[in-house]
Amino acid sequence: MEAPPLQRKLAAILAADVEGYSRLMHIDEERTLAMLTSHRTIVDALIESADGKIFGTAGDSVLAEFPSVVQAVNCAIAIQIAIARANVNIPVENRMTFRMGINVGDVMVKNGDIFGDGVNIAARLETLSDIGGICVTRGVRDHIRDRVEVIFEDMGEHSVKNIARPVRVFKVVFDESYHPILSAARQIDTPGTDITLVAENDPTEVAFWESIREDDDGTELRLYLERYPNGTFSDLAVARLDREPTPVDDPAVEVTFWESVRDSENVAMIRAYIEQYPEGKFLSLAKILVEQKAS
């Protein structure tokens, strides 16, 4: 058989990984999977809006390429700001944060995957960044100097695994009030956790999920995955299918439901929580939110 064509090109590569993912999974697998799904909804939407293309999404990692270095850096900043805002009401020990690295270099594309030193360097930079931070190479810094409203702190040269020469690394320092332009065609505003790029959770999907939470043989979970293969609770559904049946009164289900509706502008979704959990742990807050949104 003829080998698939190998394409080489110059690209801006963003690599991201969840900090402390194994620790979060050890503490509460279901809550962590639900939060990862929620955060990835934000991340994926911002990458798409910056004209980026996602290549790798294994576990808690993200790998994307961009046609512009400026768009890659602006997208990374937008993601870190949005995730920080999404974490505001979550206890510090349960927050899910990302480290990010960006490189510009020659990459190879084959069979729908991307690889090469350009990708490897971006992945190594991610491990050098602060929690919630971004690290870039000197090439990235030189490309966007004076074109993005950030400060670059020189971290010196670092020897990274499987790369022959040391890499000059810079930390990106940005203000949380900065509104990055993600696309040449439009500016994306990220004023709060209810990011306009991210569609609100479908009330029908939430209602469907709640109706099957007592599934004891996996039949309805599989039906949910068939109807919503990329749904808000798809990772959670897959995890449950791989485990023993979940108790009917499992508090993790209530937490997941609440986290899926608490930031919604749709009052009906918050009322759905009140009806489902008349003695729920978030009942008082839910009633306050309903009153605020109704006024």
Protein backbone atom coordinates (compact mmCIF):
# COMPACT_ATOMS: atom_id res chain seq x y z
CA MET A 1 0.00 0.00 0.00
CA GLU A 2 1.16 3.55 -0.73
CA ALA A 3 2.26 5.40 2.40
CA PRO A 4 0.11 8.43 3.36
CA PRO A 5 1.69 11.75 2.27
CA LEU A 6 3.85 13.53 4.83
CA GLN A 7 3.27 17.27 5.00
CA ARG A 8 5.75 19.70 6.52
CA LYS A 9 4.86 23.22 7.50
CA LEU A 10 5.67 26.07 9.84
CA ALA A 11 3.08 26.45 12.60
CA ALA A 12 2.44 27.89 16.04
CA ILE A 13 1.87 25.03 18.47
CA LEU A 14 0.06 25.25 21.81
CA ALA A 15 0.40 22.42 24.32
CA ALA A 16 -1.64 22.39 27.52
CA ASP A 17 -2.02 20.00 30.43
CA VAL A 18 -4.08 19.97 33.62
CA GLU A 19 -1.97 20.58 36.71
CA GLY A 20 -2.42 17.88 39.36
CA TYR A 21 -4.90 15.84 37.30
CA SER A 22 -3.95 12.54 38.94
CA ARG A 23 -4.43 14.06 42.39
CA LEU A 24 -7.88 15.37 41.45
CA MET A 25 -8.88 12.00 40.02
CA HIS A 26 -7.75 10.28 43.20
CA ILE A 27 -9.89 12.61 45.32
CA ASP A 28 -13.08 12.37 43.23
CA GLU A 29 -13.12 10.77 39.79
CA GLU A 30 -16.66 11.75 38.83
CA ARG A 31 -16.34 15.38 39.87
CA THR A 32 -12.98 15.64 38.08
CA LEU A 33 -14.33 14.16 34.84
CA ALA A 34 -17.34 16.48 34.95
CA MET A 35 -15.13 19.51 35.57
CA LEU A 36 -12.73 18.48 32.80
CA THR A 37 -15.67 18.29 30.38
CA SER A 38 -16.84 21.74 31.45
CA HIS A 39 -13.37 23.29 31.17
CA ARG A 40 -12.67 21.61 27.85
CA THR A 41 -15.85 23.13 26.46
CA ILE A 42 -14.32 26.54 27.17
CA VAL A 43 -10.88 25.59 25.85
CA ASP A 44 -12.13 24.01 22.62
CA ALA A 45 -14.46 26.93 21.83
CA LEU A 46 -11.68 29.49 22.28
CA ILE A 47 -9.24 27.49 20.15
CA GLU A 48 -11.83 27.23 17.38
CA SER A 49 -12.53 30.96 17.57
CA ALA A 50 -8.82 31.69 17.18
CA ASP A 51 -8.77 29.63 13.96
CA GLY A 52 -6.85 26.88 15.73
CA LYS A 53 -7.02 23.18 14.99
CA ILE A 54 -7.04 20.64 17.80
CA PHE A 55 -4.90 17.55 17.19
CA GLY A 56 -4.41 15.83 20.53
CA THR A 57 -6.95 15.52 23.36
CA ALA A 58 -5.72 12.45 25.22
CA GLY A 59 -6.88 12.51 28.83
CA ASP A 60 -6.22 15.92 30.33
CA SER A 61 -3.90 17.22 27.58
CA VAL A 62 -4.58 19.50 24.63
CA LEU A 63 -2.47 20.01 21.52
CA ALA A 64 -3.44 22.60 18.90
CA GLU A 65 -1.87 24.42 15.98
CA PHE A 66 -2.56 27.96 14.78
CA PRO A 67 -1.89 29.78 11.50
CA SER A 68 -0.59 32.78 13.47
CA VAL A 69 1.71 33.10 16.48
CA VAL A 70 -0.29 36.12 17.64
CA GLN A 71 -3.52 34.11 17.58
CA ALA A 72 -1.89 31.25 19.49
CA VAL A 73 -0.66 33.52 22.29
CA ASN A 74 -3.91 35.48 22.47
CA CYS A 75 -5.86 32.22 22.59
CA ALA A 76 -3.71 30.88 25.44
CA ILE A 77 -4.25 34.10 27.40
CA ALA A 78 -8.01 33.99 26.78
CA ILE A 79 -8.13 30.38 27.97
CA GLN A 80 -6.19 31.07 31.18
CA ILE A 81 -8.38 34.08 31.99
CA ALA A 82 -11.59 32.16 31.27
CA ILE A 83 -10.54 29.12 33.32
CA ALA A 84 -9.51 31.34 36.24
CA ARG A 85 -12.96 32.93 36.22
CA ALA A 86 -14.66 29.55 35.93
CA ASN A 87 -12.74 28.44 39.04
CA VAL A 88 -13.73 31.39 41.22
CA ASN A 89 -16.55 29.63 43.07
CA ILE A 90 -14.76 26.28 43.32
CA PRO A 91 -12.76 25.43 46.49
CA VAL A 92 -9.04 25.97 45.92
CA GLU A 93 -8.19 22.32 46.49
CA ASN A 94 -10.70 21.23 43.82
CA ARG A 95 -9.82 23.74 41.12
CA MET A 96 -8.68 22.53 37.73
CA THR A 97 -5.95 24.68 36.18
CA PHE A 98 -3.76 24.42 33.10
CA ARG A 99 -0.09 24.90 32.30
CA MET A 100 0.65 25.98 28.73
CA GLY A 101 3.58 26.11 26.33
CA ILE A 102 3.76 27.71 22.88
CA ASN A 103 6.38 27.21 20.20
CA VAL A 104 6.70 28.20 16.56
CA GLY A 105 8.58 25.78 14.33
CA ASP A 106 8.61 23.15 11.65
CA VAL A 107 6.10 20.35 12.17
CA MET A 108 5.01 17.26 10.28
CA VAL A 109 1.41 16.27 9.61
CA LYS A 110 0.50 12.68 8.78
CA ASN A 111 -2.70 10.66 9.15
CA GLY A 112 -4.42 13.56 10.85
CA ASP A 113 -1.76 13.84 13.56
CA ILE A 114 1.01 16.38 14.14
CA PHE A 115 4.49 15.70 15.41
CA GLY A 116 8.15 16.76 15.26
CA ASP A 117 10.50 18.93 17.32
CA GLY A 118 8.16 21.90 16.98
CA VAL A 119 5.52 19.93 18.90
CA ASN A 120 7.93 18.39 21.40
CA ILE A 121 9.35 21.77 22.43
CA ALA A 122 5.85 23.18 23.06
CA ALA A 123 5.09 20.17 25.28
CA ARG A 124 8.34 20.65 27.25
CA LEU A 125 7.61 24.35 27.75
CA GLU A 126 4.23 23.50 29.25
CA THR A 127 5.97 21.63 32.08
CA LEU A 128 8.08 24.73 32.84
CA SER A 129 5.15 27.13 33.18
CA ASP A 130 3.49 28.26 36.38
CA ILE A 131 0.08 26.93 37.35
CA GLY A 132 -2.32 28.92 35.20
CA GLY A 133 0.65 30.27 33.27
CA ILE A 134 2.15 30.30 29.78
CA CYS A 135 5.72 29.79 28.60
CA VAL A 136 6.97 30.53 25.08
CA THR A 137 10.20 30.19 23.11
CA ARG A 138 12.36 33.11 21.99
CA GLY A 139 11.01 32.62 18.47
CA VAL A 140 7.45 33.22 19.71
CA ARG A 141 8.57 36.26 21.71
CA ASP A 142 10.35 37.74 18.71
CA HIS A 143 7.36 37.17 16.43
CA ILE A 144 4.84 38.97 18.61
CA ARG A 145 6.90 41.63 20.39
CA ASP A 146 4.79 44.84 20.58
CA ARG A 147 1.83 43.07 18.93
CA VAL A 148 0.29 41.64 22.11
CA GLU A 149 -0.18 43.56 25.35
CA VAL A 150 1.93 41.32 27.57
CA ILE A 151 5.31 41.30 29.28
CA PHE A 152 7.89 38.59 28.62
CA GLU A 153 10.07 37.55 31.56
CA ASP A 154 13.29 35.88 30.47
CA MET A 155 13.68 32.51 32.23
CA GLY A 156 17.01 31.76 30.58
CA GLU A 157 18.05 28.68 28.64
CA HIS A 158 16.71 25.26 29.56
CA SER A 159 17.82 21.81 28.46
CA VAL A 160 14.69 19.86 27.61
CA LYS A 161 14.24 16.16 27.00
CA ASN A 162 15.03 14.85 23.50
CA ILE A 163 16.01 18.31 22.19
CA ALA A 164 19.70 18.64 21.31
CA ARG A 165 20.12 22.37 21.96
CA PRO A 166 19.05 24.42 25.00
CA VAL A 167 15.80 26.35 24.55
CA ARG A 168 15.47 30.00 25.57
CA VAL A 169 12.25 30.26 27.57
CA PHE A 170 10.08 33.30 28.36
CA LYS A 171 7.20 33.56 30.83
CA VAL A 172 4.15 35.45 29.54
CA VAL A 173 2.85 37.99 32.09
CA PHE A 174 -0.62 39.31 31.31
CA ASP A 175 -3.37 41.32 32.99
CA GLU A 176 -6.68 39.57 33.65
CA SER A 177 -8.52 42.61 32.26
CA TYR A 178 -6.87 42.10 28.87
CA HIS A 179 -9.33 41.23 26.09
CA PRO A 180 -7.30 39.35 23.47
CA ILE A 181 -8.23 39.44 19.79
CA LEU A 182 -8.53 35.81 18.77
CA SER A 183 -9.34 36.21 15.09
CA ALA A 184 -8.51 38.79 12.48
CA ALA A 185 -12.21 38.84 11.65
CA ARG A 186 -13.61 39.48 15.12
CA GLN A 187 -12.69 40.20 18.72
CA ILE A 188 -13.92 37.76 21.32
CA ASP A 189 -14.96 39.17 24.68
CA THR A 190 -14.60 36.98 27.78
CA PRO A 191 -16.26 39.05 30.52
CA GLY A 192 -17.10 36.21 32.88
CA THR A 193 -17.54 32.51 33.37
CA ASP A 194 -20.61 32.44 31.11
CA ILE A 195 -18.42 32.95 28.04
CA THR A 196 -20.52 33.89 25.04
CA LEU A 197 -18.53 31.53 22.82
CA VAL A 198 -19.71 28.54 24.81
CA ALA A 199 -23.27 27.48 24.25
CA GLU A 200 -25.28 27.09 27.43
CA ASN A 201 -25.96 23.56 28.50
CA ASP A 202 -28.99 22.30 26.63
CA PRO A 203 -31.89 22.09 29.14
CA THR A 204 -33.12 19.00 27.30
CA GLU A 205 -29.77 17.29 27.77
CA VAL A 206 -29.64 18.17 31.47
CA ALA A 207 -33.19 16.91 31.97
CA PHE A 208 -32.38 13.71 30.09
CA TRP A 209 -29.26 13.15 32.18
CA GLU A 210 -31.20 13.63 35.41
CA SER A 211 -33.85 11.16 34.24
CA ILE A 212 -31.28 8.37 33.82
CA ARG A 213 -29.10 8.98 36.86
CA GLU A 214 -30.68 5.97 38.59
CA ASP A 215 -29.80 3.64 35.70
CA ASP A 216 -28.65 0.36 37.24
CA ASP A 217 -27.70 -1.70 34.19
CA GLY A 218 -26.05 0.78 31.81
CA THR A 219 -28.80 0.69 29.19
CA GLU A 220 -29.87 4.30 29.64
CA LEU A 221 -26.29 5.52 29.98
CA ARG A 222 -25.56 4.03 26.57
CA LEU A 223 -28.70 5.70 25.22
CA TYR A 224 -27.44 9.04 26.55
CA LEU A 225 -24.06 8.54 24.85
CA GLU A 226 -25.81 7.62 21.59
CA ARG A 227 -27.88 10.80 21.71
CA TYR A 228 -25.16 13.08 23.10
CA PRO A 229 -21.78 11.59 22.07
CA ASN A 230 -20.03 14.87 22.94
CA GLY A 231 -22.43 15.92 25.67
CA THR A 232 -21.62 17.68 28.92
CA PHE A 233 -21.84 14.42 30.85
CA SER A 234 -20.40 12.04 28.23
CA ASP A 235 -17.12 11.43 30.09
CA LEU A 236 -19.05 10.85 33.29
CA ALA A 237 -21.37 8.39 31.52
CA VAL A 238 -18.41 6.44 30.14
CA ALA A 239 -16.79 6.36 33.58
CA ARG A 240 -19.97 4.99 35.14
CA LEU A 241 -20.27 2.26 32.56
CA ASP A 242 -16.81 1.10 33.59
CA ARG A 243 -17.71 1.02 37.27
CA GLU A 244 -20.21 -0.52 39.64
CA PRO A 245 -23.73 0.96 39.56
CA THR A 246 -23.89 4.36 41.25
CA PRO A 247 -26.10 4.64 44.37
CA VAL A 248 -29.31 6.56 43.75
CA ASP A 249 -28.46 9.18 46.36
CA ASP A 250 -24.85 9.64 45.24
CA PRO A 251 -23.98 13.26 46.20
CA ALA A 252 -21.55 13.48 43.26
CA VAL A 253 -24.51 13.45 40.88
CA GLU A 254 -26.05 16.44 42.63
CA VAL A 255 -22.72 18.29 42.53
CA THR A 256 -22.33 17.56 38.84
CA PHE A 257 -25.87 18.73 38.10
CA TRP A 258 -25.38 21.91 40.13
CA GLU A 259 -22.06 22.74 38.46
CA SER A 260 -23.71 22.33 35.05
CA VAL A 261 -26.46 24.90 35.76
CA ARG A 262 -25.17 27.37 38.35
CA ASP A 263 -23.62 29.80 35.83
CA SER A 264 -26.41 29.51 33.30
CA GLU A 265 -28.53 32.51 32.34
CA ASN A 266 -31.42 30.08 31.83
CA VAL A 267 -33.54 30.32 35.00
CA ALA A 268 -35.45 27.17 34.03
CA MET A 269 -32.28 25.12 34.48
CA ILE A 270 -31.75 26.40 38.03
CA ARG A 271 -35.43 25.74 38.82
CA ALA A 272 -34.95 22.21 37.50
CA TYR A 273 -32.26 21.71 40.15
CA ILE A 274 -34.63 23.01 42.88
CA GLU A 275 -37.37 20.62 41.76
CA GLN A 276 -35.01 17.66 41.59
CA TYR A 277 -33.30 18.40 44.93
CA PRO A 278 -35.88 20.07 47.23
CA GLU A 279 -33.49 19.48 50.15
CA GLY A 280 -30.26 19.83 48.17
CA LYS A 281 -27.04 21.25 49.59
CA PHE A 282 -27.17 24.15 47.10
CA LEU A 283 -30.90 24.88 47.55
CA SER A 284 -30.50 28.26 49.27
CA LEU A 285 -28.04 29.51 46.67
CA ALA A 286 -30.25 28.24 43.85
CA LYS A 287 -33.24 30.20 45.22
CA ILE A 288 -31.14 33.36 45.51
CA LEU A 289 -29.97 33.01 41.90
CA VAL A 290 -33.54 32.54 40.69
CA GLU A 291 -34.61 35.71 42.52
CA GLN A 292 -31.66 37.70 41.14
CA LYS A 293 -32.25 36.62 37.57
CA ALA A 294 -35.98 37.26 37.85
CA SER A 295 -35.50 40.82 39.12
